[in-house]
Protein backbone atom coordinates (compact mmCIF):
# COMPACT_ATOMS: atom_id res chain seq x y z
CA UNK A 1 -30.71 71.26 26.98
CA UNK A 2 -29.96 70.37 23.55
CA UNK A 3 -26.77 68.45 22.01
CA UNK A 4 -25.19 69.38 18.94
CA UNK A 5 -22.37 68.60 16.61
CA UNK A 6 -19.50 70.41 16.81
CA UNK A 7 -18.50 70.51 12.65
CA UNK A 8 -15.47 71.46 10.41
CA UNK A 9 -17.74 74.21 9.02
CA UNK A 10 -17.79 75.74 12.17
CA UNK A 11 -16.27 79.64 10.92
CA UNK A 12 -18.18 79.18 7.92
CA UNK A 13 -20.88 82.23 7.64
CA UNK A 14 -23.92 80.51 7.69
CA UNK A 15 -27.22 79.63 9.81
CA UNK A 16 -26.22 78.24 13.12
CA UNK A 17 -28.43 75.36 13.06
CA UNK A 18 -26.50 74.25 9.75
CA UNK A 19 -23.07 74.88 11.46
CA UNK A 20 -24.11 73.13 14.95
CA UNK A 21 -27.10 70.81 14.06
CA UNK A 22 -29.10 69.50 16.43
CA UNK A 23 -27.84 65.18 17.42
CA UNK A 24 -30.69 63.61 17.37
CA UNK A 25 -31.06 59.39 17.91
CA UNK A 26 -32.33 57.32 15.86
CA UNK A 27 -34.38 54.71 17.42
CA UNK A 28 -37.04 56.99 18.77
CA UNK A 29 -40.82 57.31 17.11
CA UNK A 30 -40.28 61.19 17.11
CA UNK A 31 -37.76 60.99 14.75
CA UNK A 32 -39.55 58.63 12.62
CA UNK A 33 -42.01 61.35 12.13
CA UNK A 34 -39.56 63.80 11.57
CA UNK A 35 -37.89 61.79 8.94
CA UNK A 36 -41.95 61.01 7.20
CA UNK A 37 -42.50 64.32 7.31
CA UNK A 38 -39.76 66.03 5.69
CA UNK A 39 -39.93 63.28 3.17
CA UNK A 40 -43.54 63.67 2.30
CA UNK A 41 -42.58 67.67 1.71
CA UNK A 42 -39.80 67.04 -0.48
CA UNK A 43 -42.33 64.97 -2.76
CA UNK A 44 -41.54 61.73 -1.45
CA UNK A 45 -37.56 61.65 -1.68
CA UNK A 46 -34.79 59.82 -2.39
CA UNK A 47 -32.39 58.65 0.74
CA UNK A 48 -29.87 60.80 -0.54
CA UNK A 49 -31.99 64.48 -0.99
CA UNK A 50 -33.72 63.65 2.19
CA UNK A 51 -30.55 63.12 4.29
CA UNK A 52 -28.93 66.55 3.53
CA UNK A 53 -32.50 68.52 3.99
CA UNK A 54 -32.42 67.14 7.26
CA UNK A 55 -28.41 67.96 8.36
CA UNK A 56 -29.45 71.74 7.40
CA UNK A 57 -30.85 71.00 11.19
CA UNK A 58 -30.86 67.70 12.21
CA UNK A 59 -27.65 65.18 12.96
CA UNK A 60 -29.19 61.71 13.25
CA UNK A 61 -27.42 58.84 14.40
CA UNK A 62 -27.25 55.91 11.72
CA UNK A 63 -28.76 58.72 9.13
CA UNK A 64 -29.05 56.94 6.36
CA UNK A 65 -29.83 53.53 7.80
CA UNK A 66 -33.04 55.43 10.01
CA UNK A 67 -34.34 57.06 6.71
CA UNK A 68 -34.04 54.07 4.37
CA UNK A 69 -36.41 52.28 7.02
CA UNK A 70 -38.83 55.25 7.20
CA UNK A 71 -39.40 55.29 3.16
CA UNK A 72 -39.86 51.53 3.90
CA UNK A 73 -43.27 52.35 5.64
CA UNK A 74 -44.22 55.07 2.35
CA UNK A 75 -47.41 53.05 1.33
CA UNK A 76 -46.92 55.56 -2.06
CA UNK A 77 -43.11 54.94 -2.40
CA UNK A 78 -44.11 51.51 -1.80
CA UNK A 79 -46.39 51.19 -4.81
CA UNK A 80 -43.16 52.16 -7.00
CA UNK A 81 -39.98 51.05 -5.32
CA UNK A 82 -41.43 47.85 -3.74
CA UNK A 83 -39.36 43.72 -5.36
CA UNK A 84 -41.51 41.12 -5.91
CA UNK A 85 -41.67 38.46 -3.73
CA UNK A 86 -38.83 35.34 -3.83
CA UNK A 87 -38.29 31.75 -3.11
CA UNK A 88 -36.34 29.17 -3.72
CA UNK A 89 -36.25 26.70 -6.69
CA UNK A 90 -39.04 23.81 -6.04
CA UNK A 91 -37.50 19.99 -5.84
CA UNK A 92 -39.41 18.31 -9.56
CA UNK A 93 -42.50 16.82 -8.89
CA UNK A 94 -43.13 12.92 -8.36
CA UNK A 95 -44.60 13.05 -12.38
CA UNK A 96 -41.30 14.01 -14.06
CA UNK A 97 -38.85 11.59 -12.30
CA UNK A 98 -40.67 8.18 -12.08
CA UNK A 99 -40.65 5.09 -13.89
CA UNK A 100 -43.28 5.03 -16.38
CA UNK A 101 -44.12 4.80 -19.83
CA UNK A 102 -43.81 7.49 -22.20
CA UNK A 103 -46.61 9.75 -23.03
CA UNK A 104 -47.53 8.37 -19.33
CA UNK A 105 -47.66 12.14 -17.94
CA UNK A 106 -47.55 14.63 -20.31
CA UNK A 107 -47.89 18.13 -20.82
CA UNK A 108 -50.06 20.20 -23.56
CA UNK A 109 -49.69 23.42 -25.37
CA UNK A 110 -50.55 25.47 -28.52
CA UNK A 111 -48.09 27.60 -30.39
CA UNK A 112 -49.25 30.36 -33.34
CA UNK A 113 -51.06 31.48 -34.97
CA UNK A 114 -49.37 29.71 -38.49
CA UNK A 115 -50.83 30.84 -41.88
CA UNK A 116 -51.75 29.15 -44.51
CA UNK A 117 -52.18 29.49 -48.03
CA UNK A 118 -55.89 30.44 -48.65
CA UNK A 119 -55.06 32.94 -45.73
CA UNK A 120 -57.11 31.07 -42.53
CA UNK A 121 -54.83 30.30 -39.38
CA UNK A 122 -54.01 27.19 -38.24
CA UNK A 123 -52.35 26.41 -34.77
CA UNK A 124 -50.22 23.56 -33.18
CA UNK A 125 -50.78 21.83 -30.31
CA UNK A 126 -47.41 20.18 -28.78
CA UNK A 127 -47.67 17.14 -26.48
CA UNK A 128 -44.51 16.42 -24.70
CA UNK A 129 -43.37 13.95 -22.61
CA UNK A 130 -43.04 14.89 -18.56
CA UNK A 131 -39.99 12.11 -18.21
CA UNK A 132 -38.58 11.53 -21.70
CA UNK A 133 -38.71 14.85 -22.83
CA UNK A 134 -40.38 13.30 -26.25
CA UNK A 135 -43.11 15.45 -28.29
CA UNK A 136 -45.81 15.05 -30.74
CA UNK A 137 -47.33 17.98 -32.51
CA UNK A 138 -51.38 18.37 -34.14
CA UNK A 139 -52.47 21.06 -36.25
CA UNK A 140 -55.63 22.63 -35.10
CA UNK A 141 -57.57 25.30 -37.78
CA UNK A 142 -59.69 26.58 -34.92
CA UNK A 143 -58.85 27.02 -30.84
CA UNK A 144 -62.34 25.42 -29.59
CA UNK A 145 -63.11 23.02 -27.18
CA UNK A 146 -64.06 20.95 -29.79
CA UNK A 147 -61.01 21.13 -32.40
CA UNK A 148 -58.47 20.21 -29.11
CA UNK A 149 -60.56 17.51 -28.65
CA UNK A 150 -59.73 15.71 -31.77
CA UNK A 151 -56.22 16.61 -31.39
CA UNK A 152 -56.34 14.68 -28.26
CA UNK A 153 -58.16 11.91 -29.67
CA UNK A 154 -55.49 11.65 -32.27
CA UNK A 155 -52.67 12.04 -30.62
CA UNK A 156 -54.36 9.54 -27.66
CA UNK A 157 -54.84 6.46 -30.98
CA UNK A 158 -50.90 6.95 -32.07
CA UNK A 159 -49.09 7.44 -28.99
CA UNK A 160 -51.18 5.86 -25.95
CA UNK A 161 -53.78 6.96 -23.37
CA UNK A 162 -51.91 9.29 -20.77
CA UNK A 163 -52.87 9.76 -17.22
CA UNK A 164 -51.64 12.54 -15.87
CA UNK A 165 -52.56 16.05 -18.34
CA UNK A 166 -50.53 19.36 -17.29
CA UNK A 167 -51.48 22.61 -19.00
CA UNK A 168 -52.14 25.96 -18.25
CA UNK A 169 -55.83 27.17 -17.93
CA UNK A 170 -56.74 27.65 -21.69
CA UNK A 171 -60.26 28.25 -22.39
CA UNK A 172 -59.95 25.12 -24.69
CA UNK A 173 -58.32 23.35 -22.20
CA UNK A 174 -60.44 24.30 -19.16
CA UNK A 175 -63.22 23.25 -21.75
CA UNK A 176 -61.21 19.68 -22.61
CA UNK A 177 -61.34 18.55 -18.45
CA UNK A 178 -64.65 20.33 -18.66
CA UNK A 179 -65.97 17.81 -20.96
CA UNK A 180 -64.54 14.82 -19.35
CA UNK A 181 -65.34 15.57 -15.82
CA UNK A 182 -69.13 15.29 -17.23
CA UNK A 183 -68.88 11.66 -18.81
CA UNK A 184 -70.14 9.08 -16.85
CA UNK A 185 -67.17 7.13 -15.93
CA UNK A 186 -69.13 4.25 -13.58
CA UNK A 187 -70.81 3.30 -16.53
CA UNK A 188 -67.43 3.55 -18.94
CA UNK A 189 -65.83 1.41 -16.69
CA UNK A 190 -68.50 -1.55 -17.12
CA UNK A 191 -67.19 -2.42 -20.68
CA UNK A 192 -63.43 -0.92 -20.85
CA UNK A 193 -60.41 -0.68 -18.35
CA UNK A 194 -59.49 2.88 -19.28
CA UNK A 195 -58.99 5.24 -16.08
CA UNK A 196 -60.25 8.60 -15.89
CA UNK A 197 -57.17 11.61 -16.70
CA UNK A 198 -56.08 13.43 -14.32
CA UNK A 199 -56.16 16.73 -15.76
CA UNK A 200 -53.73 19.25 -13.77
CA UNK A 201 -53.84 23.61 -14.76
CA UNK A 202 -51.69 25.71 -13.22
CA UNK A 203 -52.10 29.03 -11.59
CA UNK A 204 -52.64 31.58 -12.95
CA UNK A 205 -49.97 34.42 -14.59
CA UNK A 206 -47.40 31.66 -13.35
CA UNK A 207 -46.28 30.27 -16.70
CA UNK A 208 -42.60 28.83 -15.38
CA UNK A 209 -44.81 26.25 -13.59
CA UNK A 210 -45.34 24.95 -17.07
CA UNK A 211 -41.53 25.08 -18.29
CA UNK A 212 -40.79 21.59 -19.42
CA UNK A 213 -43.68 21.98 -22.35
CA UNK A 214 -42.69 25.69 -22.64
CA UNK A 215 -39.45 24.94 -23.14
CA UNK A 216 -40.18 23.15 -26.02
CA UNK A 217 -42.40 25.40 -27.65
CA UNK A 218 -39.66 27.64 -27.95
CA UNK A 219 -37.60 25.50 -29.26
CA UNK A 220 -40.58 24.47 -32.11
CA UNK A 221 -40.88 28.16 -33.05
CA UNK A 222 -37.25 28.53 -33.56
CA UNK A 223 -37.00 25.48 -35.98
CA UNK A 224 -40.48 27.42 -37.44
CA UNK A 225 -38.95 30.65 -38.14
CA UNK A 226 -35.94 29.64 -39.53
CA UNK A 227 -37.69 27.07 -42.25
CA UNK A 228 -41.10 28.98 -43.09
CA UNK A 229 -40.39 32.77 -42.77
CA UNK A 230 -42.58 34.66 -44.27
CA UNK A 231 -43.64 31.73 -46.25
CA UNK A 232 -47.56 30.51 -46.55
CA UNK A 233 -48.26 26.99 -47.56
CA UNK A 234 -51.27 24.08 -47.59
CA UNK A 235 -52.39 22.87 -44.97
CA UNK A 236 -51.05 19.08 -45.81
CA UNK A 237 -47.61 21.18 -46.49
CA UNK A 238 -47.75 22.35 -42.78
CA UNK A 239 -48.54 19.25 -41.24
CA UNK A 240 -45.14 17.38 -42.88
CA UNK A 241 -42.94 20.46 -41.27
CA UNK A 242 -44.53 19.65 -38.36
CA UNK A 243 -43.92 16.28 -38.72
CA UNK A 244 -40.17 16.85 -39.48
CA UNK A 245 -39.74 19.66 -36.66
CA UNK A 246 -41.05 16.85 -34.74
CA UNK A 247 -38.51 14.40 -35.35
CA UNK A 248 -35.35 16.75 -35.46
CA UNK A 249 -36.78 17.97 -31.79
CA UNK A 250 -36.91 14.18 -30.83
CA UNK A 251 -33.62 14.02 -31.75
CA UNK A 252 -31.87 16.18 -30.07
CA UNK A 253 -29.21 14.93 -27.24
CA UNK A 254 -30.33 14.32 -23.39
CA UNK A 255 -27.20 13.24 -22.76
CA UNK A 256 -23.25 13.72 -23.12
CA UNK A 257 -22.56 13.15 -26.95
CA UNK A 258 -18.58 11.82 -26.37
CA UNK A 259 -15.46 11.74 -28.25
CA UNK A 260 -14.58 8.38 -27.69
CA UNK A 261 -15.77 5.93 -29.86
CA UNK A 262 -16.06 3.47 -27.46
CA UNK A 263 -18.40 5.31 -25.00
CA UNK A 264 -21.81 4.35 -25.14
CA UNK A 265 -24.59 6.50 -27.26
CA UNK A 266 -26.18 9.52 -26.42
CA UNK A 267 -29.73 9.18 -25.47
CA UNK A 268 -32.20 10.95 -27.27
CA UNK A 269 -36.16 10.74 -26.73
CA UNK A 270 -36.64 9.05 -29.89
CA UNK A 271 -35.10 5.91 -28.12
CA UNK A 272 -38.02 5.39 -26.42
CA UNK A 273 -40.21 5.89 -28.68
CA UNK A 274 -39.50 3.81 -31.73
CA UNK A 275 -38.30 0.04 -30.86
CA UNK A 276 -34.37 -0.44 -30.28
CA UNK A 277 -33.03 -1.27 -34.12
CA UNK A 278 -31.75 -4.79 -33.71
CA UNK A 279 -28.99 -6.93 -35.69
CA UNK A 280 -31.32 -8.11 -38.36
CA UNK A 281 -31.86 -12.23 -39.08
CA UNK A 282 -32.13 -13.15 -42.48
CA UNK A 283 -34.96 -13.82 -44.18
CA UNK A 284 -33.91 -17.08 -45.27
CA UNK A 285 -34.10 -18.02 -41.21
CA UNK A 286 -36.61 -20.09 -39.65
CA UNK A 287 -38.33 -18.42 -37.46
CA UNK A 288 -40.09 -21.33 -35.05
CA UNK A 289 -41.47 -20.34 -31.82
CA UNK A 290 -38.75 -20.76 -29.04
CA UNK A 291 -36.47 -18.04 -31.46
CA UNK A 292 -39.92 -15.81 -31.25
CA UNK A 293 -39.81 -16.00 -27.57
CA UNK A 294 -35.87 -15.62 -27.63
CA UNK A 295 -35.71 -12.57 -29.75
CA UNK A 296 -38.66 -11.37 -26.99
CA UNK A 297 -36.95 -11.77 -23.93
CA UNK A 298 -34.00 -9.96 -25.81
CA UNK A 299 -36.24 -6.69 -27.00
CA UNK A 300 -37.39 -6.44 -23.80
CA UNK A 301 -33.91 -6.87 -21.79
CA UNK A 302 -33.00 -3.70 -24.38
CA UNK A 303 -35.95 -1.60 -23.40
CA UNK A 304 -34.94 -2.48 -19.44
CA UNK A 305 -30.75 -1.44 -20.01
CA UNK A 306 -32.13 1.77 -22.12
CA UNK A 307 -34.65 2.81 -18.94
CA UNK A 308 -31.46 1.48 -16.94
CA UNK A 309 -29.49 4.32 -18.62
CA UNK A 310 -31.49 7.18 -18.57
CA UNK A 311 -32.15 7.01 -15.10
CA UNK A 312 -28.35 7.28 -14.62
CA UNK A 313 -27.27 8.91 -17.75
CA UNK A 314 -30.23 11.71 -17.35
CA UNK A 315 -32.15 11.75 -14.26
CA UNK A 316 -28.91 10.95 -12.24
CA UNK A 317 -27.34 14.42 -13.30
CA UNK A 318 -30.43 16.70 -12.58
CA UNK A 319 -29.31 18.33 -9.51
CA UNK A 320 -30.62 21.11 -7.48
CA UNK A 321 -30.18 23.96 -8.09
CA UNK A 322 -31.09 27.30 -7.78
CA UNK A 323 -29.83 30.91 -7.24
CA UNK A 324 -29.49 32.29 -4.53
CA UNK A 325 -32.61 34.21 -3.44
CA UNK A 326 -33.72 36.26 -0.05
CA UNK A 327 -36.24 34.55 0.74
CA UNK A 328 -39.44 36.37 1.82
CA UNK A 329 -41.88 36.05 5.09
CA UNK A 330 -45.39 36.42 3.75
CA UNK A 331 -48.40 35.72 6.32
CA UNK A 332 -52.54 36.13 5.70
CA UNK A 333 -53.21 39.75 6.42
CA UNK A 334 -50.30 41.26 3.93
CA UNK A 335 -51.65 43.98 1.75
CA UNK A 336 -49.67 43.77 -1.34
CA UNK A 337 -49.62 44.93 -5.04
CA UNK A 338 -50.60 42.17 -8.03
CA UNK A 339 -48.10 42.84 -10.32
CA UNK A 340 -49.42 42.55 -14.06
CA UNK A 341 -47.28 42.89 -17.11
CA UNK A 342 -49.92 44.31 -19.43
CA UNK A 343 -50.91 47.03 -17.45
CA UNK A 344 -48.89 49.87 -15.87
CA UNK A 345 -47.59 50.07 -12.66
CA UNK A 346 -49.72 52.85 -11.12
CA UNK A 347 -52.91 50.99 -11.96
CA UNK A 348 -51.89 47.88 -10.63
CA UNK A 349 -54.47 46.37 -7.89
CA UNK A 350 -54.53 45.92 -4.10
CA UNK A 351 -54.62 42.95 -2.44
CA UNK A 352 -54.52 41.08 0.72
CA UNK A 353 -53.69 37.95 1.71
CA UNK A 354 -56.35 35.50 2.67
CA UNK A 355 -54.76 32.16 3.01
CA UNK A 356 -51.15 30.23 1.92
CA UNK A 357 -50.43 27.07 -0.08
CA UNK A 358 -47.41 24.87 0.85
CA UNK A 359 -45.96 23.02 -1.32
CA UNK A 360 -43.90 19.46 -0.36
CA UNK A 361 -41.17 21.29 0.41
CA UNK A 362 -43.17 23.42 3.37
CA UNK A 363 -42.13 26.68 0.60
CA UNK A 364 -44.88 29.20 -0.07
CA UNK A 365 -44.89 29.16 -3.59
CA UNK A 366 -48.91 30.04 -4.08
CA UNK A 367 -52.26 32.32 -2.21
CA UNK A 368 -55.13 33.31 -2.60
CA UNK A 369 -55.50 37.00 -3.11
CA UNK A 370 -59.07 38.89 -2.16
CA UNK A 371 -59.69 42.02 -4.39
CA UNK A 372 -62.06 44.30 -4.53
CA UNK A 373 -63.27 42.35 -7.56
CA UNK A 374 -63.66 38.80 -6.06
CA UNK A 375 -60.37 36.48 -4.88
CA UNK A 376 -58.14 34.21 -6.95
CA UNK A 377 -54.89 32.53 -6.88
CA UNK A 378 -51.26 34.20 -7.33
CA UNK A 379 -47.54 32.73 -7.64
CA UNK A 380 -46.13 34.90 -4.80
CA UNK A 381 -43.91 36.31 -7.72
CA UNK A 382 -46.65 38.30 -9.05
CA UNK A 383 -46.98 40.27 -5.68
CA UNK A 384 -45.25 43.28 -4.19
CA UNK A 385 -45.47 44.13 -0.70
CA UNK A 386 -46.04 46.78 0.99
CA UNK A 387 -44.89 46.24 3.94
CA UNK A 388 -48.12 46.64 5.87
CA UNK A 389 -49.69 43.26 7.90
CA UNK A 390 -52.77 42.87 9.93
CA UNK A 391 -51.09 40.67 11.87
CA UNK A 392 -47.72 42.80 12.73
CA UNK A 393 -46.88 44.51 15.91
CA UNK A 394 -43.55 46.30 16.72
CA UNK A 395 -41.53 46.72 19.82
CA UNK A 396 -40.58 49.74 19.18
CA UNK A 397 -42.70 52.05 19.81
CA UNK A 398 -45.31 55.67 18.91
CA UNK A 399 -46.45 58.53 21.02
CA UNK A 400 -50.52 59.25 20.62
CA UNK A 401 -51.37 61.36 17.39
CA UNK A 402 -52.16 64.26 19.74
CA UNK A 403 -48.84 64.53 21.12
CA UNK A 404 -47.28 67.54 18.65
CA UNK A 405 -43.85 67.25 17.00
CA UNK A 406 -43.38 71.04 18.31
CA UNK A 407 -43.26 70.04 22.38
CA UNK A 408 -40.47 67.20 21.78
CA UNK A 409 -37.92 68.96 19.05
CA UNK A 410 -37.69 72.72 19.52
CA UNK A 411 -35.60 75.68 16.85
CA UNK A 412 -32.31 74.73 18.80
CA UNK A 413 -30.19 77.99 18.62
CA UNK A 414 -25.93 78.14 19.17
CA UNK A 415 -27.25 79.53 23.08
CA UNK A 416 -28.80 77.49 25.81
CA UNK A 417 -32.24 76.30 25.84
CA UNK A 418 -35.06 75.94 28.82
CA UNK A 419 -36.67 72.99 26.35
CA UNK A 420 -35.65 69.27 27.19
CA UNK A 421 -33.88 67.18 25.03
CA UNK A 422 -35.35 64.60 23.15
CA UNK A 423 -36.11 62.27 25.69
CA UNK A 424 -35.14 58.38 25.92
CA UNK A 425 -37.62 55.61 25.61
CA UNK A 426 -37.28 52.10 26.79
CA UNK A 427 -38.15 50.18 23.56
CA UNK A 428 -39.27 47.40 25.66
CA UNK A 429 -42.35 49.30 26.43
CA UNK A 430 -45.57 49.66 24.75
CA UNK A 431 -46.11 53.45 24.82
CA UNK A 432 -49.36 52.49 22.21
CA UNK A 433 -51.65 49.40 22.49
CA UNK A 434 -52.76 49.65 18.31
CA UNK A 435 -51.38 47.54 15.70
CA UNK A 436 -48.04 48.74 14.09
CA UNK A 437 -45.91 47.64 11.48
CA UNK A 438 -42.62 46.08 11.89
CA UNK A 439 -40.78 49.69 11.52
CA UNK A 440 -43.14 50.93 14.28
CA UNK A 441 -45.30 52.69 12.22
CA UNK A 442 -49.27 53.00 13.92
CA UNK A 443 -51.55 51.11 11.61
CA UNK A 444 -54.80 52.24 9.85
CA UNK A 445 -57.62 50.06 11.15
CA UNK A 446 -58.82 47.68 7.75
CA UNK A 447 -61.78 49.31 6.83
CA UNK A 448 -60.08 52.60 5.61
CA UNK A 449 -58.32 49.91 3.01
CA UNK A 450 -61.71 49.09 1.39
CA UNK A 451 -61.57 51.51 -0.84
CA UNK A 452 -59.02 49.32 -2.65
CA UNK A 453 -59.92 45.94 -1.41
């Protein structure tokens, strides 16, 4: 017979199945099918609506938890309700914290457009030191590769040649990198001692990977917005405004400003750009070679002390800080939605994870995705899992699809029935050898996904 629940509404004039619902277990394959069928029948309703509808006939143990697990296996619902994958913040790379010269490691980006008086457009090119956080700003009138190469040439002439450049995947930046790769460096090194610039690009659709220059781009935009407003300037005037903004940004404080007059002066990026101001020697003093050597060593000592303070007061306070997040597990073969902030969610494409890239801390933050249009790289924060994998198997068994649901759960009544009760299945016995998700749902062959990916 069937086990029924005696409720407090047994004296109510209502249908028997509502007053005495059938008691069902939560960890049975047929129960999952029953819940999923009701979920589809109610137009993919949520947990509360689905639980209320099932309570009219059945009393499922741990119903809310079981219903939530079944809804998570619904691909249609996951397309609209899944959340992006999360990962803990990575430690700063070596190029951000190593001992280096100013502008030896730089990040570059463009902001704009800015409008001149003659109705033409121009853009600001911002170079920032990855270690000492100083900036250098150039102005270009085009987004072409040639214009950026000229801006890079002016930057190198005034600030020195960088060893490493970080940037996003702008066409002009990628074009400049390709132009530098095509140069015959063997012939150049025969006549000069310059080294090849190493160019590193962020993954597509991951602007937070370049946060150390994006933050300064935001600061520059804030200054220009407040200073210019809606005004239009001549080219020379705008160059002057950008130089003033560069000086303001380089004068910002990097360390704590104490109210005690006896404490050391707070560090700024400008201290590493310009020579340290010394107490001047009167012009009438005779400057001999011995005094010049003393002044040189004195200047060297000041620079070393300044970098020592930078290491202790600035780098020493860069503690690891990351918000608490439920780190997601992603594997090769997982089917995911590829998020795009410029496209509606219903139009997001499906993709299959084909390769994982581990960071130095053994965390996955970048994956290669295969779609119907090709393969490309994406950060995991842009991926929305659908709980579908080609490699997952569940210990919870499922009966074959040929078993009708009606033979397992008949329509109950207050009177006794000849139908057998819902049998308990040993969860350690694998009834079906087909691939399953971790919730026990049978997975379709991968060929059925070819229409999407």
